[in-house]
Amino acid sequence: QMPEGVKRILAHDFDAIICDMVMPNFPGDMFYKAVQRARPHLCQRFIFITGHQREPKVVDFIKQTGRIALWKPFEMRQLFAAVETVTSTK
């Protein structure tokens, strides 16, 4: 069963994709890899959010992607700045 988020990304181009690294049933790294396989041009629009900055697996994955990460808790202005960054590179 494909998660709803993946179905939507397969059907539409989104300006920004805000992805929590820890989600039930389909973690952020699996979500990113699914998008990378199906619609690689959307990968540059990812913004990862997580409260697991002390978990090496999470940190290493985000570093490897080269995408923006916001560490919880973060301020709204940080989210707005991240969205502005990914949407300005389209």
PDB file of N, CA and C in Angstrom:
ATOM      1  N   GLN A   1       0.846  -1.191   0.000  1.00  0.00           N
ATOM      2  CA  GLN A   1       0.000   0.000   0.000  1.00  0.00           C
ATOM      3  C   GLN A   1       0.880   1.239   0.000  1.00  0.00           C
ATOM      4  N   MET A   2       0.737   2.068  -1.022  1.00  0.00           N
ATOM      5  CA  MET A   2       1.520   3.287  -1.144  1.00  0.00           C
ATOM      6  C   MET A   2       0.922   4.392  -0.272  1.00  0.00           C
ATOM      7  N   PRO A   3       1.748   5.041   0.546  1.00  0.00           N
ATOM      8  CA  PRO A   3       1.244   6.135   1.388  1.00  0.00           C
ATOM      9  C   PRO A   3       0.665   7.280   0.548  1.00  0.00           C
ATOM     10  N   GLU A   4      -0.297   7.969   1.128  1.00  0.00           N
ATOM     11  CA  GLU A   4      -0.988   9.068   0.443  1.00  0.00           C
ATOM     12  C   GLU A   4      -0.017  10.144  -0.039  1.00  0.00           C
ATOM     13  N   GLY A   5       0.989  10.461   0.776  1.00  0.00           N
ATOM     14  CA  GLY A   5       1.949  11.497   0.388  1.00  0.00           C
ATOM     15  C   GLY A   5       2.690  11.141  -0.887  1.00  0.00           C
ATOM     16  N   VAL A   6       3.077   9.894  -1.026  1.00  0.00           N
ATOM     17  CA  VAL A   6       3.781   9.458  -2.243  1.00  0.00           C
ATOM     18  C   VAL A   6       2.837   9.518  -3.437  1.00  0.00           C
ATOM     19  N   LYS A   7       1.594   9.093  -3.262  1.00  0.00           N
ATOM     20  CA  LYS A   7       0.618   9.164  -4.355  1.00  0.00           C
ATOM     21  C   LYS A   7       0.467  10.605  -4.855  1.00  0.00           C
ATOM     22  N   ARG A   8       0.390  11.530  -3.920  1.00  0.00           N
ATOM     23  CA  ARG A   8       0.203  12.936  -4.307  1.00  0.00           C
ATOM     24  C   ARG A   8       1.432  13.478  -5.048  1.00  0.00           C
ATOM     25  N   ILE A   9       2.610  13.105  -4.582  1.00  0.00           N
ATOM     26  CA  ILE A   9       3.821  13.598  -5.232  1.00  0.00           C
ATOM     27  C   ILE A   9       3.977  12.989  -6.622  1.00  0.00           C
ATOM     28  N   LEU A  10       3.506  11.767  -6.811  1.00  0.00           N
ATOM     29  CA  LEU A  10       3.562  11.160  -8.133  1.00  0.00           C
ATOM     30  C   LEU A  10       2.620  11.872  -9.108  1.00  0.00           C
ATOM     31  N   ALA A  11       1.585  12.500  -8.576  1.00  0.00           N
ATOM     32  CA  ALA A  11       0.578  13.140  -9.417  1.00  0.00           C
ATOM     33  C   ALA A  11       0.811  14.636  -9.640  1.00  0.00           C
ATOM     34  N   HIS A  12       1.570  15.296  -8.749  1.00  0.00           N
ATOM     35  CA  HIS A  12       1.710  16.753  -8.815  1.00  0.00           C
ATOM     36  C   HIS A  12       3.138  17.188  -8.524  1.00  0.00           C
ATOM     37  N   ASP A  13       3.486  18.340  -9.076  1.00  0.00           N
ATOM     38  CA  ASP A  13       4.733  18.995  -8.682  1.00  0.00           C
ATOM     39  C   ASP A  13       4.402  19.936  -7.530  1.00  0.00           C
ATOM     40  N   PHE A  14       5.130  19.815  -6.448  1.00  0.00           N
ATOM     41  CA  PHE A  14       4.940  20.704  -5.309  1.00  0.00           C
ATOM     42  C   PHE A  14       6.107  21.676  -5.236  1.00  0.00           C
ATOM     43  N   ASP A  15       5.842  22.887  -4.763  1.00  0.00           N
ATOM     44  CA  ASP A  15       6.898  23.894  -4.638  1.00  0.00           C
ATOM     45  C   ASP A  15       7.877  23.539  -3.540  1.00  0.00           C
ATOM     46  N   ALA A  16       7.366  22.967  -2.453  1.00  0.00           N
ATOM     47  CA  ALA A  16       8.207  22.573  -1.315  1.00  0.00           C
ATOM     48  C   ALA A  16       7.598  21.309  -0.708  1.00  0.00           C
ATOM     49  N   ILE A  17       8.476  20.449  -0.189  1.00  0.00           N
ATOM     50  CA  ILE A  17       8.033  19.220   0.454  1.00  0.00           C
ATOM     51  C   ILE A  17       8.622  19.201   1.856  1.00  0.00           C
ATOM     52  N   ILE A  18       7.769  19.382   2.852  1.00  0.00           N
ATOM     53  CA  ILE A  18       8.210  19.381   4.243  1.00  0.00           C
ATOM     54  C   ILE A  18       8.000  17.969   4.770  1.00  0.00           C
ATOM     55  N   CYS A  19       9.100  17.344   5.144  1.00  0.00           N
ATOM     56  CA  CYS A  19       9.078  15.915   5.451  1.00  0.00           C
ATOM     57  C   CYS A  19       9.645  15.650   6.845  1.00  0.00           C
ATOM     58  N   ASP A  20       8.807  15.114   7.714  1.00  0.00           N
ATOM     59  CA  ASP A  20       9.277  14.704   9.030  1.00  0.00           C
ATOM     60  C   ASP A  20      10.062  13.406   8.859  1.00  0.00           C
ATOM     61  N   MET A  21      11.173  13.281   9.544  1.00  0.00           N
ATOM     62  CA  MET A  21      11.991  12.079   9.416  1.00  0.00           C
ATOM     63  C   MET A  21      11.375  10.875  10.119  1.00  0.00           C
ATOM     64  N   VAL A  22      10.567  11.112  11.135  1.00  0.00           N
ATOM     65  CA  VAL A  22       9.975  10.000  11.878  1.00  0.00           C
ATOM     66  C   VAL A  22       8.455  10.063  11.712  1.00  0.00           C
ATOM     67  N   MET A  23       7.955   9.174  10.868  1.00  0.00           N
ATOM     68  CA  MET A  23       6.512   9.081  10.633  1.00  0.00           C
ATOM     69  C   MET A  23       6.120   7.613  10.762  1.00  0.00           C
ATOM     70  N   PRO A  24       4.926   7.339  11.249  1.00  0.00           N
ATOM     71  CA  PRO A  24       4.505   5.937  11.371  1.00  0.00           C
ATOM     72  C   PRO A  24       4.378   5.291   9.987  1.00  0.00           C
ATOM     73  N   ASN A  25       4.828   4.083   9.895  1.00  0.00           N
ATOM     74  CA  ASN A  25       4.685   3.242   8.703  1.00  0.00           C
ATOM     75  C   ASN A  25       5.574   3.616   7.516  1.00  0.00           C
ATOM     76  N   PHE A  26       6.008   4.860   7.398  1.00  0.00           N
ATOM     77  CA  PHE A  26       6.782   5.271   6.225  1.00  0.00           C
ATOM     78  C   PHE A  26       7.709   6.412   6.622  1.00  0.00           C
ATOM     79  N   PRO A  27       8.887   6.112   7.155  1.00  0.00           N
ATOM     80  CA  PRO A  27       9.779   7.165   7.636  1.00  0.00           C
ATOM     81  C   PRO A  27      10.288   8.072   6.511  1.00  0.00           C
ATOM     82  N   GLY A  28      10.794   9.218   6.912  1.00  0.00           N
ATOM     83  CA  GLY A  28      11.227  10.235   5.963  1.00  0.00           C
ATOM     84  C   GLY A  28      12.256   9.768   4.955  1.00  0.00           C
ATOM     85  N   ASP A  29      13.198   8.924   5.377  1.00  0.00           N
ATOM     86  CA  ASP A  29      14.208   8.467   4.419  1.00  0.00           C
ATOM     87  C   ASP A  29      13.572   7.602   3.331  1.00  0.00           C
ATOM     88  N   MET A  30      12.612   6.775   3.689  1.00  0.00           N
ATOM     89  CA  MET A  30      11.919   5.956   2.685  1.00  0.00           C
ATOM     90  C   MET A  30      11.088   6.835   1.746  1.00  0.00           C
ATOM     91  N   PHE A  31      10.463   7.862   2.306  1.00  0.00           N
ATOM     92  CA  PHE A  31       9.672   8.793   1.502  1.00  0.00           C
ATOM     93  C   PHE A  31      10.562   9.506   0.485  1.00  0.00           C
ATOM     94  N   TYR A  32      11.702  10.008   0.951  1.00  0.00           N
ATOM     95  CA  TYR A  32      12.652  10.699   0.068  1.00  0.00           C
ATOM     96  C   TYR A  32      13.119   9.759  -1.038  1.00  0.00           C
ATOM     97  N   LYS A  33      13.482   8.531  -0.681  1.00  0.00           N
ATOM     98  CA  LYS A  33      13.980   7.567  -1.675  1.00  0.00           C
ATOM     99  C   LYS A  33      12.905   7.220  -2.700  1.00  0.00           C
ATOM    100  N   ALA A  34      11.647   7.147  -2.269  1.00  0.00           N
ATOM    101  CA  ALA A  34      10.546   6.881  -3.209  1.00  0.00           C
ATOM    102  C   ALA A  34      10.414   8.031  -4.206  1.00  0.00           C
ATOM    103  N   VAL A  35      10.510   9.262  -3.716  1.00  0.00           N
ATOM    104  CA  VAL A  35      10.441  10.432  -4.597  1.00  0.00           C
ATOM    105  C   VAL A  35      11.667  10.463  -5.506  1.00  0.00           C
ATOM    106  N   GLN A  36      12.820  10.142  -4.961  1.00  0.00           N
ATOM    107  CA  GLN A  36      14.065  10.137  -5.737  1.00  0.00           C
ATOM    108  C   GLN A  36      13.958   9.171  -6.928  1.00  0.00           C
ATOM    109  N   ARG A  37      13.338   8.024  -6.713  1.00  0.00           N
ATOM    110  CA  ARG A  37      13.183   7.035  -7.791  1.00  0.00           C
ATOM    111  C   ARG A  37      12.156   7.500  -8.826  1.00  0.00           C
ATOM    112  N   ALA A  38      11.037   8.028  -8.359  1.00  0.00           N
ATOM    113  CA  ALA A  38       9.924   8.322  -9.255  1.00  0.00           C
ATOM    114  C   ALA A  38       9.980   9.723  -9.873  1.00  0.00           C
ATOM    115  N   ARG A  39      10.401  10.722  -9.097  1.00  0.00           N
ATOM    116  CA  ARG A  39      10.390  12.116  -9.555  1.00  0.00           C
ATOM    117  C   ARG A  39      11.603  12.851  -8.996  1.00  0.00           C
ATOM    118  N   PRO A  40      12.795  12.480  -9.452  1.00  0.00           N
ATOM    119  CA  PRO A  40      14.028  13.001  -8.853  1.00  0.00           C
ATOM    120  C   PRO A  40      14.152  14.529  -8.854  1.00  0.00           C
ATOM    121  N   HIS A  41      13.520  15.203  -9.809  1.00  0.00           N
ATOM    122  CA  HIS A  41      13.606  16.667  -9.839  1.00  0.00           C
ATOM    123  C   HIS A  41      12.967  17.308  -8.609  1.00  0.00           C
ATOM    124  N   LEU A  42      12.098  16.585  -7.910  1.00  0.00           N
ATOM    125  CA  LEU A  42      11.457  17.137  -6.712  1.00  0.00           C
ATOM    126  C   LEU A  42      12.335  17.033  -5.464  1.00  0.00           C
ATOM    127  N   CYS A  43      13.401  16.281  -5.521  1.00  0.00           N
ATOM    128  CA  CYS A  43      14.247  16.097  -4.336  1.00  0.00           C
ATOM    129  C   CYS A  43      14.842  17.416  -3.836  1.00  0.00           C
ATOM    130  N   GLN A  44      15.143  18.329  -4.745  1.00  0.00           N
ATOM    131  CA  GLN A  44      15.718  19.608  -4.325  1.00  0.00           C
ATOM    132  C   GLN A  44      14.715  20.468  -3.557  1.00  0.00           C
ATOM    133  N   ARG A  45      13.471  20.063  -3.517  1.00  0.00           N
ATOM    134  CA  ARG A  45      12.432  20.835  -2.824  1.00  0.00           C
ATOM    135  C   ARG A  45      12.146  20.320  -1.420  1.00  0.00           C
ATOM    136  N   PHE A  46      12.901  19.318  -0.975  1.00  0.00           N
ATOM    137  CA  PHE A  46      12.689  18.744   0.359  1.00  0.00           C
ATOM    138  C   PHE A  46      13.232  19.640   1.461  1.00  0.00           C
ATOM    139  N   ILE A  47      12.481  19.729   2.538  1.00  0.00           N
ATOM    140  CA  ILE A  47      12.916  20.319   3.803  1.00  0.00           C
ATOM    141  C   ILE A  47      12.610  19.256   4.854  1.00  0.00           C
ATOM    142  N   PHE A  48      13.650  18.736   5.469  1.00  0.00           N
ATOM    143  CA  PHE A  48      13.445  17.721   6.506  1.00  0.00           C
ATOM    144  C   PHE A  48      13.258  18.396   7.852  1.00  0.00           C
ATOM    145  N   ILE A  49      12.342  17.875   8.650  1.00  0.00           N
ATOM    146  CA  ILE A  49      12.175  18.335  10.024  1.00  0.00           C
ATOM    147  C   ILE A  49      12.309  17.126  10.939  1.00  0.00           C
ATOM    148  N   THR A  50      12.944  17.337  12.080  1.00  0.00           N
ATOM    149  CA  THR A  50      13.120  16.223  13.003  1.00  0.00           C
ATOM    150  C   THR A  50      13.518  16.712  14.386  1.00  0.00           C
ATOM    151  N   GLY A  51      13.180  15.926  15.360  1.00  0.00           N
ATOM    152  CA  GLY A  51      13.629  16.157  16.725  1.00  0.00           C
ATOM    153  C   GLY A  51      14.717  15.164  17.102  1.00  0.00           C
ATOM    154  N   HIS A  52      15.220  14.433  16.118  1.00  0.00           N
ATOM    155  CA  HIS A  52      16.182  13.354  16.371  1.00  0.00           C
ATOM    156  C   HIS A  52      17.597  13.736  15.946  1.00  0.00           C
ATOM    157  N   GLN A  53      18.019  14.934  16.350  1.00  0.00           N
ATOM    158  CA  GLN A  53      19.347  15.402  15.945  1.00  0.00           C
ATOM    159  C   GLN A  53      20.495  14.663  16.616  1.00  0.00           C
ATOM    160  N   ARG A  54      20.194  13.822  17.584  1.00  0.00           N
ATOM    161  CA  ARG A  54      21.244  13.024  18.235  1.00  0.00           C
ATOM    162  C   ARG A  54      21.265  11.586  17.723  1.00  0.00           C
ATOM    163  N   GLU A  55      20.446  11.302  16.743  1.00  0.00           N
ATOM    164  CA  GLU A  55      20.389   9.949  16.184  1.00  0.00           C
ATOM    165  C   GLU A  55      21.233   9.909  14.905  1.00  0.00           C
ATOM    166  N   PRO A  56      22.385   9.244  14.957  1.00  0.00           N
ATOM    167  CA  PRO A  56      23.314   9.260  13.817  1.00  0.00           C
ATOM    168  C   PRO A  56      22.688   8.842  12.490  1.00  0.00           C
ATOM    169  N   LYS A  57      21.811   7.856  12.497  1.00  0.00           N
ATOM    170  CA  LYS A  57      21.186   7.400  11.249  1.00  0.00           C
ATOM    171  C   LYS A  57      20.405   8.532  10.575  1.00  0.00           C
ATOM    172  N   VAL A  58      19.671   9.294  11.373  1.00  0.00           N
ATOM    173  CA  VAL A  58      18.871  10.404  10.848  1.00  0.00           C
ATOM    174  C   VAL A  58      19.786  11.512  10.341  1.00  0.00           C
ATOM    175  N   VAL A  59      20.739  11.910  11.166  1.00  0.00           N
ATOM    176  CA  VAL A  59      21.656  13.008  10.804  1.00  0.00           C
ATOM    177  C   VAL A  59      22.469  12.646   9.565  1.00  0.00           C
ATOM    178  N   ASP A  60      22.990  11.434   9.519  1.00  0.00           N
ATOM    179  CA  ASP A  60      23.798  11.005   8.373  1.00  0.00           C
ATOM    180  C   ASP A  60      22.984  10.982   7.090  1.00  0.00           C
ATOM    181  N   PHE A  61      21.742  10.512   7.182  1.00  0.00           N
ATOM    182  CA  PHE A  61      20.896  10.484   5.986  1.00  0.00           C
ATOM    183  C   PHE A  61      20.662  11.894   5.459  1.00  0.00           C
ATOM    184  N   ILE A  62      20.297  12.816   6.338  1.00  0.00           N
ATOM    185  CA  ILE A  62      20.031  14.187   5.900  1.00  0.00           C
ATOM    186  C   ILE A  62      21.289  14.810   5.297  1.00  0.00           C
ATOM    187  N   LYS A  63      22.434  14.609   5.937  1.00  0.00           N
ATOM    188  CA  LYS A  63      23.695  15.133   5.388  1.00  0.00           C
ATOM    189  C   LYS A  63      23.959  14.576   3.996  1.00  0.00           C
ATOM    190  N   GLN A  64      23.716  13.287   3.831  1.00  0.00           N
ATOM    191  CA  GLN A  64      23.970  12.625   2.557  1.00  0.00           C
ATOM    192  C   GLN A  64      23.088  13.200   1.441  1.00  0.00           C
ATOM    193  N   THR A  65      21.872  13.624   1.769  1.00  0.00           N
ATOM    194  CA  THR A  65      20.988  14.184   0.748  1.00  0.00           C
ATOM    195  C   THR A  65      21.392  15.608   0.368  1.00  0.00           C
ATOM    196  N   GLY A  66      22.036  16.318   1.294  1.00  0.00           N
ATOM    197  CA  GLY A  66      22.389  17.705   1.037  1.00  0.00           C
ATOM    198  C   GLY A  66      21.211  18.662   1.142  1.00  0.00           C
ATOM    199  N   ARG A  67      20.114  18.196   1.688  1.00  0.00           N
ATOM    200  CA  ARG A  67      18.908  19.026   1.800  1.00  0.00           C
ATOM    201  C   ARG A  67      18.905  19.808   3.110  1.00  0.00           C
ATOM    202  N   ILE A  68      17.996  20.757   3.185  1.00  0.00           N
ATOM    203  CA  ILE A  68      17.804  21.577   4.380  1.00  0.00           C
ATOM    204  C   ILE A  68      17.182  20.730   5.488  1.00  0.00           C
ATOM    205  N   ALA A  69      17.651  20.938   6.704  1.00  0.00           N
ATOM    206  CA  ALA A  69      17.047  20.277   7.867  1.00  0.00           C
ATOM    207  C   ALA A  69      16.713  21.326   8.913  1.00  0.00           C
ATOM    208  N   LEU A  70      15.545  21.206   9.488  1.00  0.00           N
ATOM    209  CA  LEU A  70      15.141  22.038  10.617  1.00  0.00           C
ATOM    210  C   LEU A  70      15.011  21.118  11.820  1.00  0.00           C
ATOM    211  N   TRP A  71      15.694  21.478  12.885  1.00  0.00           N
ATOM    212  CA  TRP A  71      15.710  20.647  14.095  1.00  0.00           C
ATOM    213  C   TRP A  71      14.655  21.169  15.053  1.00  0.00           C
ATOM    214  N   LYS A  72      13.764  20.288  15.474  1.00  0.00           N
ATOM    215  CA  LYS A  72      12.702  20.680  16.411  1.00  0.00           C
ATOM    216  C   LYS A  72      13.300  20.950  17.785  1.00  0.00           C
ATOM    217  N   PRO A  73      12.802  21.936  18.500  1.00  0.00           N
ATOM    218  CA  PRO A  73      11.801  22.900  18.039  1.00  0.00           C
ATOM    219  C   PRO A  73      12.457  23.980  17.189  1.00  0.00           C
ATOM    220  N   PHE A  74      11.764  24.436  16.167  1.00  0.00           N
ATOM    221  CA  PHE A  74      12.275  25.524  15.333  1.00  0.00           C
ATOM    222  C   PHE A  74      11.229  26.630  15.290  1.00  0.00           C
ATOM    223  N   GLU A  75      11.676  27.799  14.892  1.00  0.00           N
ATOM    224  CA  GLU A  75      10.775  28.951  14.817  1.00  0.00           C
ATOM    225  C   GLU A  75      10.173  29.037  13.423  1.00  0.00           C
ATOM    226  N   MET A  76       8.986  29.613  13.341  1.00  0.00           N
ATOM    227  CA  MET A  76       8.299  29.737  12.052  1.00  0.00           C
ATOM    228  C   MET A  76       9.145  30.481  11.030  1.00  0.00           C
ATOM    229  N   ARG A  77       9.896  31.475  11.477  1.00  0.00           N
ATOM    230  CA  ARG A  77      10.717  32.226  10.521  1.00  0.00           C
ATOM    231  C   ARG A  77      11.760  31.326   9.867  1.00  0.00           C
ATOM    232  N   GLN A  78      12.228  30.303  10.599  1.00  0.00           N
ATOM    233  CA  GLN A  78      13.181  29.359  10.019  1.00  0.00           C
ATOM    234  C   GLN A  78      12.502  28.519   8.934  1.00  0.00           C
ATOM    235  N   LEU A  79      11.264  28.127   9.198  1.00  0.00           N
ATOM    236  CA  LEU A  79      10.509  27.371   8.203  1.00  0.00           C
ATOM    237  C   LEU A  79      10.248  28.230   6.968  1.00  0.00           C
ATOM    238  N   PHE A  80       9.836  29.480   7.174  1.00  0.00           N
ATOM    239  CA  PHE A  80       9.582  30.376   6.045  1.00  0.00           C
ATOM    240  C   PHE A  80      10.848  30.585   5.219  1.00  0.00           C
ATOM    241  N   ALA A  81      11.978  30.759   5.896  1.00  0.00           N
ATOM    242  CA  ALA A  81      13.253  30.947   5.190  1.00  0.00           C
ATOM    243  C   ALA A  81      13.619  29.699   4.387  1.00  0.00           C
ATOM    244  N   ALA A  82      13.387  28.531   4.955  1.00  0.00           N
ATOM    245  CA  ALA A  82      13.690  27.284   4.247  1.00  0.00           C
ATOM    246  C   ALA A  82      12.806  27.131   3.017  1.00  0.00           C
ATOM    247  N   VAL A  83      11.513  27.445   3.156  1.00  0.00           N
ATOM    248  CA  VAL A  83      10.597  27.364   2.017  1.00  0.00           C
ATOM    249  C   VAL A  83      11.022  28.357   0.942  1.00  0.00           C
ATOM    250  N   GLU A  84      11.407  29.544   1.350  1.00  0.00           N
ATOM    251  CA  GLU A  84      11.868  30.547   0.381  1.00  0.00           C
ATOM    252  C   GLU A  84      13.109  30.039  -0.363  1.00  0.00           C
ATOM    253  N   THR A  85      14.011  29.387   0.356  1.00  0.00           N
ATOM    254  CA  THR A  85      15.229  28.863  -0.257  1.00  0.00           C
ATOM    255  C   THR A  85      14.897  27.794  -1.303  1.00  0.00           C
ATOM    256  N   VAL A  86      14.062  26.835  -0.972  1.00  0.00           N
ATOM    257  CA  VAL A  86      13.788  25.761  -1.934  1.00  0.00           C
ATOM    258  C   VAL A  86      12.920  26.229  -3.100  1.00  0.00           C
ATOM    259  N   THR A  87      12.077  27.207  -2.868  1.00  0.00           N
ATOM    260  CA  THR A  87      11.230  27.675  -3.973  1.00  0.00           C
ATOM    261  C   THR A  87      11.970  28.644  -4.881  1.00  0.00           C
ATOM    262  N   SER A  88      13.022  29.261  -4.413  1.00  0.00           N
ATOM    263  CA  SER A  88      13.768  30.204  -5.253  1.00  0.00           C
ATOM    264  C   SER A  88      14.731  29.489  -6.195  1.00  0.00           C
ATOM    265  N   THR A  89      14.939  28.187  -5.983  1.00  0.00           N
ATOM    266  CA  THR A  89      15.877  27.449  -6.837  1.00  0.00           C
ATOM    267  C   THR A  89      15.161  26.644  -7.922  1.00  0.00           C
ATOM    268  N   LYS A  90      13.848  26.821  -8.037  1.00  0.00           N
ATOM    269  CA  LYS A  90      13.093  26.057  -9.045  1.00  0.00           C
ATOM    270  C   LYS A  90      13.495  26.453 -10.448  1.00  0.00           C
TER     271      LYS A  90
END
